[in-house]
């Protein structure tokens, strides 16, 4: 259960971190421009 949970939740949390960073920076850059 831990291996499957680590794979699923770990991928999700890491993916969300990059999504927040990329979407936030891209949106702010568009608004600034």
ModelCIF file with pLDDT and N, C-alpha, C, O atoms, coordinates in Angstrom:
data_MODEL
#
_entry.id   MODEL 
#
_entity.id                         1 
_entity.type                       polymer 
_entity.pdbx_number_of_molecules   1 
#
_entity_poly.entity_id                      1 
_entity_poly.type                           'polypeptide(L)' 
_entity_poly.nstd_linkage                   no 
_entity_poly.nstd_monomer                   no 
_entity_poly.pdbx_seq_one_letter_code       
;(UNK)(UNK)(UNK)(UNK)(UNK)(UNK)(UNK)(UNK)(UNK)(UNK)(UNK)(UNK)(UNK)(UNK)(UNK)(UNK)
(UNK)(UNK)(UNK)(UNK)(UNK)(UNK)(UNK)(UNK)(UNK)(UNK)(UNK)(UNK)(UNK)(UNK)(UNK)(UNK)
(UNK)
;
_entity_poly.pdbx_seq_one_letter_code_can   XXXXXXXXXXXXXXXXXXXXXXXXXXXXXXXXX 
_entity_poly.pdbx_strand_id                 A 
#
loop_
_entity_poly_seq.entity_id 
_entity_poly_seq.num 
_entity_poly_seq.mon_id 
_entity_poly_seq.hetero 
1 1  UNK n 
1 2  UNK n 
1 3  UNK n 
1 4  UNK n 
1 5  UNK n 
1 6  UNK n 
1 7  UNK n 
1 8  UNK n 
1 9  UNK n 
1 10 UNK n 
1 11 UNK n 
1 12 UNK n 
1 13 UNK n 
1 14 UNK n 
1 15 UNK n 
1 16 UNK n 
1 17 UNK n 
1 18 UNK n 
1 19 UNK n 
1 20 UNK n 
1 21 UNK n 
1 22 UNK n 
1 23 UNK n 
1 24 UNK n 
1 25 UNK n 
1 26 UNK n 
1 27 UNK n 
1 28 UNK n 
1 29 UNK n 
1 30 UNK n 
1 31 UNK n 
1 32 UNK n 
1 33 UNK n 
#
_struct_asym.id          A 
_struct_asym.entity_id   1 
#
loop_
_ma_qa_metric.id 
_ma_qa_metric.mode 
_ma_qa_metric.name 
_ma_qa_metric.software_group_id 
_ma_qa_metric.type 
1 global pLDDT . pLDDT 
2 local  pLDDT . pLDDT 
#
_ma_qa_metric_global.metric_id      1 
_ma_qa_metric_global.metric_value   83.15 
_ma_qa_metric_global.model_id       1 
_ma_qa_metric_global.ordinal_id     1 
#
loop_
_ma_qa_metric_local.label_asym_id 
_ma_qa_metric_local.label_comp_id 
_ma_qa_metric_local.label_seq_id 
_ma_qa_metric_local.metric_id 
_ma_qa_metric_local.metric_value 
_ma_qa_metric_local.model_id 
_ma_qa_metric_local.ordinal_id 
A UNK 1  2 72.00 1 1  
A UNK 2  2 75.00 1 2  
A UNK 3  2 75.00 1 3  
A UNK 4  2 71.00 1 4  
A UNK 5  2 73.00 1 5  
A UNK 6  2 74.00 1 6  
A UNK 7  2 73.00 1 7  
A UNK 8  2 70.00 1 8  
A UNK 9  2 72.00 1 9  
A UNK 10 2 74.00 1 10 
A UNK 11 2 75.00 1 11 
A UNK 12 2 76.00 1 12 
A UNK 13 2 77.00 1 13 
A UNK 14 2 78.00 1 14 
A UNK 15 2 80.00 1 15 
A UNK 16 2 82.00 1 16 
A UNK 17 2 83.00 1 17 
A UNK 18 2 85.00 1 18 
A UNK 19 2 87.00 1 19 
A UNK 20 2 89.00 1 20 
A UNK 21 2 90.00 1 21 
A UNK 22 2 92.00 1 22 
A UNK 23 2 91.00 1 23 
A UNK 24 2 92.00 1 24 
A UNK 25 2 93.00 1 25 
A UNK 26 2 93.00 1 26 
A UNK 27 2 93.00 1 27 
A UNK 28 2 93.00 1 28 
A UNK 29 2 94.00 1 29 
A UNK 30 2 93.00 1 30 
A UNK 31 2 93.00 1 31 
A UNK 32 2 93.00 1 32 
A UNK 33 2 93.00 1 33 
#
loop_
_atom_site.group_PDB 
_atom_site.id 
_atom_site.type_symbol 
_atom_site.label_atom_id 
_atom_site.label_alt_id 
_atom_site.label_comp_id 
_atom_site.label_asym_id 
_atom_site.label_entity_id 
_atom_site.label_seq_id 
_atom_site.pdbx_PDB_ins_code 
_atom_site.Cartn_x 
_atom_site.Cartn_y 
_atom_site.Cartn_z 
_atom_site.occupancy 
_atom_site.B_iso_or_equiv 
_atom_site.pdbx_formal_charge 
_atom_site.auth_seq_id 
_atom_site.auth_comp_id 
_atom_site.auth_asym_id 
_atom_site.auth_atom_id 
_atom_site.pdbx_PDB_model_num 
ATOM 1   N N  . UNK A 1 1  ? 0.837  -1.199 0.000   1.00 72.00 ? 1  UNK A N  1 
ATOM 2   C CA . UNK A 1 1  ? 0.000  0.000  0.000   1.00 72.00 ? 1  UNK A CA 1 
ATOM 3   C C  . UNK A 1 1  ? 0.871  1.247  0.000   1.00 72.00 ? 1  UNK A C  1 
ATOM 4   O O  . UNK A 1 1  ? 0.568  2.222  -0.688  1.00 72.00 ? 1  UNK A O  1 
ATOM 5   N N  . UNK A 1 2  ? 1.958  1.216  0.776   1.00 75.00 ? 2  UNK A N  1 
ATOM 6   C CA . UNK A 1 2  ? 2.835  2.388  0.834   1.00 75.00 ? 2  UNK A CA 1 
ATOM 7   C C  . UNK A 1 2  ? 3.502  2.658  -0.504  1.00 75.00 ? 2  UNK A C  1 
ATOM 8   O O  . UNK A 1 2  ? 3.611  3.810  -0.924  1.00 75.00 ? 2  UNK A O  1 
ATOM 9   N N  . UNK A 1 3  ? 3.956  1.588  -1.186  1.00 75.00 ? 3  UNK A N  1 
ATOM 10  C CA . UNK A 1 3  ? 4.614  1.778  -2.484  1.00 75.00 ? 3  UNK A CA 1 
ATOM 11  C C  . UNK A 1 3  ? 3.651  2.407  -3.483  1.00 75.00 ? 3  UNK A C  1 
ATOM 12  O O  . UNK A 1 3  ? 4.017  3.340  -4.198  1.00 75.00 ? 3  UNK A O  1 
ATOM 13  N N  . UNK A 1 4  ? 2.408  1.894  -3.534  1.00 71.00 ? 4  UNK A N  1 
ATOM 14  C CA . UNK A 1 4  ? 1.430  2.446  -4.465  1.00 71.00 ? 4  UNK A CA 1 
ATOM 15  C C  . UNK A 1 4  ? 1.041  3.869  -4.076  1.00 71.00 ? 4  UNK A C  1 
ATOM 16  O O  . UNK A 1 4  ? 0.899  4.738  -4.937  1.00 71.00 ? 4  UNK A O  1 
ATOM 17  N N  . UNK A 1 5  ? 0.869  4.106  -2.765  1.00 73.00 ? 5  UNK A N  1 
ATOM 18  C CA . UNK A 1 5  ? 0.508  5.439  -2.298  1.00 73.00 ? 5  UNK A CA 1 
ATOM 19  C C  . UNK A 1 5  ? 1.633  6.435  -2.582  1.00 73.00 ? 5  UNK A C  1 
ATOM 20  O O  . UNK A 1 5  ? 1.382  7.568  -2.995  1.00 73.00 ? 5  UNK A O  1 
ATOM 21  N N  . UNK A 1 6  ? 2.885  5.996  -2.353  1.00 74.00 ? 6  UNK A N  1 
ATOM 22  C CA . UNK A 1 6  ? 4.026  6.876  -2.614  1.00 74.00 ? 6  UNK A CA 1 
ATOM 23  C C  . UNK A 1 6  ? 4.110  7.222  -4.094  1.00 74.00 ? 6  UNK A C  1 
ATOM 24  O O  . UNK A 1 6  ? 4.436  8.354  -4.450  1.00 74.00 ? 6  UNK A O  1 
ATOM 25  N N  . UNK A 1 7  ? 3.817  6.255  -4.958  1.00 73.00 ? 7  UNK A N  1 
ATOM 26  C CA . UNK A 1 7  ? 3.874  6.509  -6.397  1.00 73.00 ? 7  UNK A CA 1 
ATOM 27  C C  . UNK A 1 7  ? 2.788  7.482  -6.827  1.00 73.00 ? 7  UNK A C  1 
ATOM 28  O O  . UNK A 1 7  ? 3.052  8.422  -7.576  1.00 73.00 ? 7  UNK A O  1 
ATOM 29  N N  . UNK A 1 8  ? 1.560  7.256  -6.352  1.00 70.00 ? 8  UNK A N  1 
ATOM 30  C CA . UNK A 1 8  ? 0.441  8.084  -6.784  1.00 70.00 ? 8  UNK A CA 1 
ATOM 31  C C  . UNK A 1 8  ? 0.500  9.479  -6.160  1.00 70.00 ? 8  UNK A C  1 
ATOM 32  O O  . UNK A 1 8  ? 0.477  10.488 -6.865  1.00 70.00 ? 8  UNK A O  1 
ATOM 33  N N  . UNK A 1 9  ? 0.578  9.520  -4.832  1.00 72.00 ? 9  UNK A N  1 
ATOM 34  C CA . UNK A 1 9  ? 0.544  10.819 -4.141  1.00 72.00 ? 9  UNK A CA 1 
ATOM 35  C C  . UNK A 1 9  ? 1.826  11.593 -4.409  1.00 72.00 ? 9  UNK A C  1 
ATOM 36  O O  . UNK A 1 9  ? 1.791  12.813 -4.571  1.00 72.00 ? 9  UNK A O  1 
ATOM 37  N N  . UNK A 1 10 ? 2.965  10.893 -4.456  1.00 74.00 ? 10 UNK A N  1 
ATOM 38  C CA . UNK A 1 10 ? 4.217  11.581 -4.743  1.00 74.00 ? 10 UNK A CA 1 
ATOM 39  C C  . UNK A 1 10 ? 4.195  12.231 -6.110  1.00 74.00 ? 10 UNK A C  1 
ATOM 40  O O  . UNK A 1 10 ? 4.598  13.384 -6.262  1.00 74.00 ? 10 UNK A O  1 
ATOM 41  N N  . UNK A 1 11 ? 3.719  11.488 -7.120  1.00 75.00 ? 11 UNK A N  1 
ATOM 42  C CA . UNK A 1 11 ? 3.619  12.064 -8.461  1.00 75.00 ? 11 UNK A CA 1 
ATOM 43  C C  . UNK A 1 11 ? 2.655  13.246 -8.475  1.00 75.00 ? 11 UNK A C  1 
ATOM 44  O O  . UNK A 1 11 ? 2.903  14.254 -9.138  1.00 75.00 ? 11 UNK A O  1 
ATOM 45  N N  . UNK A 1 12 ? 1.557  13.113 -7.738  1.00 76.00 ? 12 UNK A N  1 
ATOM 46  C CA . UNK A 1 12 ? 0.570  14.193 -7.734  1.00 76.00 ? 12 UNK A CA 1 
ATOM 47  C C  . UNK A 1 12 ? 1.144  15.458 -7.081  1.00 76.00 ? 12 UNK A C  1 
ATOM 48  O O  . UNK A 1 12 ? 1.035  16.551 -7.638  1.00 76.00 ? 12 UNK A O  1 
ATOM 49  N N  . UNK A 1 13 ? 1.749  15.306 -5.908  1.00 77.00 ? 13 UNK A N  1 
ATOM 50  C CA . UNK A 1 13 ? 2.254  16.481 -5.182  1.00 77.00 ? 13 UNK A CA 1 
ATOM 51  C C  . UNK A 1 13 ? 3.360  17.163 -5.972  1.00 77.00 ? 13 UNK A C  1 
ATOM 52  O O  . UNK A 1 13 ? 3.384  18.388 -6.091  1.00 77.00 ? 13 UNK A O  1 
ATOM 53  N N  . UNK A 1 14 ? 4.274  16.363 -6.512  1.00 78.00 ? 14 UNK A N  1 
ATOM 54  C CA . UNK A 1 14 ? 5.358  16.960 -7.309  1.00 78.00 ? 14 UNK A CA 1 
ATOM 55  C C  . UNK A 1 14 ? 4.805  17.611 -8.578  1.00 78.00 ? 14 UNK A C  1 
ATOM 56  O O  . UNK A 1 14 ? 5.246  18.690 -8.972  1.00 78.00 ? 14 UNK A O  1 
ATOM 57  N N  . UNK A 1 15 ? 3.839  16.947 -9.211  1.00 80.00 ? 15 UNK A N  1 
ATOM 58  C CA . UNK A 1 15 ? 3.238  17.532 -10.406 1.00 80.00 ? 15 UNK A CA 1 
ATOM 59  C C  . UNK A 1 15 ? 2.522  18.834 -10.113 1.00 80.00 ? 15 UNK A C  1 
ATOM 60  O O  . UNK A 1 15 ? 2.613  19.786 -10.888 1.00 80.00 ? 15 UNK A O  1 
ATOM 61  N N  . UNK A 1 16 ? 1.803  18.882 -8.984  1.00 82.00 ? 16 UNK A N  1 
ATOM 62  C CA . UNK A 1 16 ? 1.092  20.102 -8.615  1.00 82.00 ? 16 UNK A CA 1 
ATOM 63  C C  . UNK A 1 16 ? 2.053  21.245 -8.304  1.00 82.00 ? 16 UNK A C  1 
ATOM 64  O O  . UNK A 1 16 ? 1.774  22.402 -8.618  1.00 82.00 ? 16 UNK A O  1 
ATOM 65  N N  . UNK A 1 17 ? 3.184  20.912 -7.686  1.00 83.00 ? 17 UNK A N  1 
ATOM 66  C CA . UNK A 1 17 ? 4.175  21.954 -7.402  1.00 83.00 ? 17 UNK A CA 1 
ATOM 67  C C  . UNK A 1 17 ? 4.622  22.620 -8.701  1.00 83.00 ? 17 UNK A C  1 
ATOM 68  O O  . UNK A 1 17 ? 4.662  23.847 -8.794  1.00 83.00 ? 17 UNK A O  1 
ATOM 69  N N  . UNK A 1 18 ? 4.962  21.797 -9.710  1.00 85.00 ? 18 UNK A N  1 
ATOM 70  C CA . UNK A 1 18 ? 5.415  22.362 -10.975 1.00 85.00 ? 18 UNK A CA 1 
ATOM 71  C C  . UNK A 1 18 ? 4.278  23.056 -11.717 1.00 85.00 ? 18 UNK A C  1 
ATOM 72  O O  . UNK A 1 18 ? 4.500  24.067 -12.384 1.00 85.00 ? 18 UNK A O  1 
ATOM 73  N N  . UNK A 1 19 ? 3.074  22.526 -11.606 1.00 87.00 ? 19 UNK A N  1 
ATOM 74  C CA . UNK A 1 19 ? 1.946  23.180 -12.273 1.00 87.00 ? 19 UNK A CA 1 
ATOM 75  C C  . UNK A 1 19 ? 1.673  24.558 -11.672 1.00 87.00 ? 19 UNK A C  1 
ATOM 76  O O  . UNK A 1 19 ? 1.463  25.529 -12.398 1.00 87.00 ? 19 UNK A O  1 
ATOM 77  N N  . UNK A 1 20 ? 1.678  24.636 -10.333 1.00 89.00 ? 20 UNK A N  1 
ATOM 78  C CA . UNK A 1 20 ? 1.480  25.934 -9.680  1.00 89.00 ? 20 UNK A CA 1 
ATOM 79  C C  . UNK A 1 20 ? 2.552  26.918 -10.125 1.00 89.00 ? 20 UNK A C  1 
ATOM 80  O O  . UNK A 1 20 ? 2.248  28.064 -10.457 1.00 89.00 ? 20 UNK A O  1 
ATOM 81  N N  . UNK A 1 21 ? 3.802  26.475 -10.132 1.00 90.00 ? 21 UNK A N  1 
ATOM 82  C CA . UNK A 1 21 ? 4.913  27.363 -10.495 1.00 90.00 ? 21 UNK A CA 1 
ATOM 83  C C  . UNK A 1 21 ? 4.814  27.816 -11.948 1.00 90.00 ? 21 UNK A C  1 
ATOM 84  O O  . UNK A 1 21 ? 4.948  29.005 -12.238 1.00 90.00 ? 21 UNK A O  1 
ATOM 85  N N  . UNK A 1 22 ? 4.580  26.880 -12.859 1.00 92.00 ? 22 UNK A N  1 
ATOM 86  C CA . UNK A 1 22 ? 4.557  27.212 -14.293 1.00 92.00 ? 22 UNK A CA 1 
ATOM 87  C C  . UNK A 1 22 ? 3.354  28.093 -14.620 1.00 92.00 ? 22 UNK A C  1 
ATOM 88  O O  . UNK A 1 22 ? 3.500  29.114 -15.291 1.00 92.00 ? 22 UNK A O  1 
ATOM 89  N N  . UNK A 1 23 ? 2.164  27.707 -14.150 1.00 91.00 ? 23 UNK A N  1 
ATOM 90  C CA . UNK A 1 23 ? 0.954  28.481 -14.454 1.00 91.00 ? 23 UNK A CA 1 
ATOM 91  C C  . UNK A 1 23 ? 1.031  29.856 -13.815 1.00 91.00 ? 23 UNK A C  1 
ATOM 92  O O  . UNK A 1 23 ? 0.675  30.847 -14.451 1.00 91.00 ? 23 UNK A O  1 
ATOM 93  N N  . UNK A 1 24 ? 1.488  29.940 -12.567 1.00 92.00 ? 24 UNK A N  1 
ATOM 94  C CA . UNK A 1 24 ? 1.589  31.231 -11.896 1.00 92.00 ? 24 UNK A CA 1 
ATOM 95  C C  . UNK A 1 24 ? 2.555  32.176 -12.583 1.00 92.00 ? 24 UNK A C  1 
ATOM 96  O O  . UNK A 1 24 ? 2.234  33.343 -12.808 1.00 92.00 ? 24 UNK A O  1 
ATOM 97  N N  . UNK A 1 25 ? 3.751  31.672 -12.921 1.00 93.00 ? 25 UNK A N  1 
ATOM 98  C CA . UNK A 1 25 ? 4.760  32.513 -13.581 1.00 93.00 ? 25 UNK A CA 1 
ATOM 99  C C  . UNK A 1 25 ? 4.278  32.917 -14.971 1.00 93.00 ? 25 UNK A C  1 
ATOM 100 O O  . UNK A 1 25 ? 4.409  34.078 -15.357 1.00 93.00 ? 25 UNK A O  1 
ATOM 101 N N  . UNK A 1 26 ? 3.718  31.963 -15.732 1.00 93.00 ? 26 UNK A N  1 
ATOM 102 C CA . UNK A 1 26 ? 3.255  32.277 -17.087 1.00 93.00 ? 26 UNK A CA 1 
ATOM 103 C C  . UNK A 1 26 ? 2.129  33.305 -17.070 1.00 93.00 ? 26 UNK A C  1 
ATOM 104 O O  . UNK A 1 26 ? 2.122  34.235 -17.876 1.00 93.00 ? 26 UNK A O  1 
ATOM 105 N N  . UNK A 1 27 ? 1.177  33.138 -16.150 1.00 93.00 ? 27 UNK A N  1 
ATOM 106 C CA . UNK A 1 27 ? 0.064  34.089 -16.067 1.00 93.00 ? 27 UNK A CA 1 
ATOM 107 C C  . UNK A 1 27 ? 0.545  35.469 -15.650 1.00 93.00 ? 27 UNK A C  1 
ATOM 108 O O  . UNK A 1 27 ? 0.136  36.472 -16.235 1.00 93.00 ? 27 UNK A O  1 
ATOM 109 N N  . UNK A 1 28 ? 1.415  35.530 -14.638 1.00 93.00 ? 28 UNK A N  1 
ATOM 110 C CA . UNK A 1 28 ? 1.945  36.821 -14.201 1.00 93.00 ? 28 UNK A CA 1 
ATOM 111 C C  . UNK A 1 28 ? 2.722  37.496 -15.328 1.00 93.00 ? 28 UNK A C  1 
ATOM 112 O O  . UNK A 1 28 ? 2.618  38.709 -15.511 1.00 93.00 ? 28 UNK A O  1 
ATOM 113 N N  . UNK A 1 29 ? 3.502  36.720 -16.087 1.00 94.00 ? 29 UNK A N  1 
ATOM 114 C CA . UNK A 1 29 ? 4.265  37.296 -17.199 1.00 94.00 ? 29 UNK A CA 1 
ATOM 115 C C  . UNK A 1 29 ? 3.332  37.861 -18.274 1.00 94.00 ? 29 UNK A C  1 
ATOM 116 O O  . UNK A 1 29 ? 3.578  38.944 -18.806 1.00 94.00 ? 29 UNK A O  1 
ATOM 117 N N  . UNK A 1 30 ? 2.255  37.121 -18.591 1.00 93.00 ? 30 UNK A N  1 
ATOM 118 C CA . UNK A 1 30 ? 1.284  37.618 -19.571 1.00 93.00 ? 30 UNK A CA 1 
ATOM 119 C C  . UNK A 1 30 ? 0.638  38.909 -19.089 1.00 93.00 ? 30 UNK A C  1 
ATOM 120 O O  . UNK A 1 30 ? 0.493  39.857 -19.862 1.00 93.00 ? 30 UNK A O  1 
ATOM 121 N N  . UNK A 1 31 ? 0.250  38.953 -17.822 1.00 93.00 ? 31 UNK A N  1 
ATOM 122 C CA . UNK A 1 31 ? -0.396 40.152 -17.274 1.00 93.00 ? 31 UNK A CA 1 
ATOM 123 C C  . UNK A 1 31 ? 0.559  41.335 -17.242 1.00 93.00 ? 31 UNK A C  1 
ATOM 124 O O  . UNK A 1 31 ? 0.154  42.464 -17.520 1.00 93.00 ? 31 UNK A O  1 
ATOM 125 N N  . UNK A 1 32 ? 1.827  41.089 -16.905 1.00 93.00 ? 32 UNK A N  1 
ATOM 126 C CA . UNK A 1 32 ? 2.814  42.177 -16.870 1.00 93.00 ? 32 UNK A CA 1 
ATOM 127 C C  . UNK A 1 32 ? 3.049  42.724 -18.281 1.00 93.00 ? 32 UNK A C  1 
ATOM 128 O O  . UNK A 1 32 ? 3.079  43.937 -18.486 1.00 93.00 ? 32 UNK A O  1 
ATOM 129 N N  . UNK A 1 33 ? 3.213  41.826 -19.242 1.00 93.00 ? 33 UNK A N  1 
ATOM 130 C CA . UNK A 1 33 ? 3.452  42.259 -20.623 1.00 93.00 ? 33 UNK A CA 1 
ATOM 131 C C  . UNK A 1 33 ? 2.281  43.078 -21.154 1.00 93.00 ? 33 UNK A C  1 
ATOM 132 O O  . UNK A 1 33 ? 2.310  43.525 -22.300 1.00 93.00 ? 33 UNK A O  1 
#
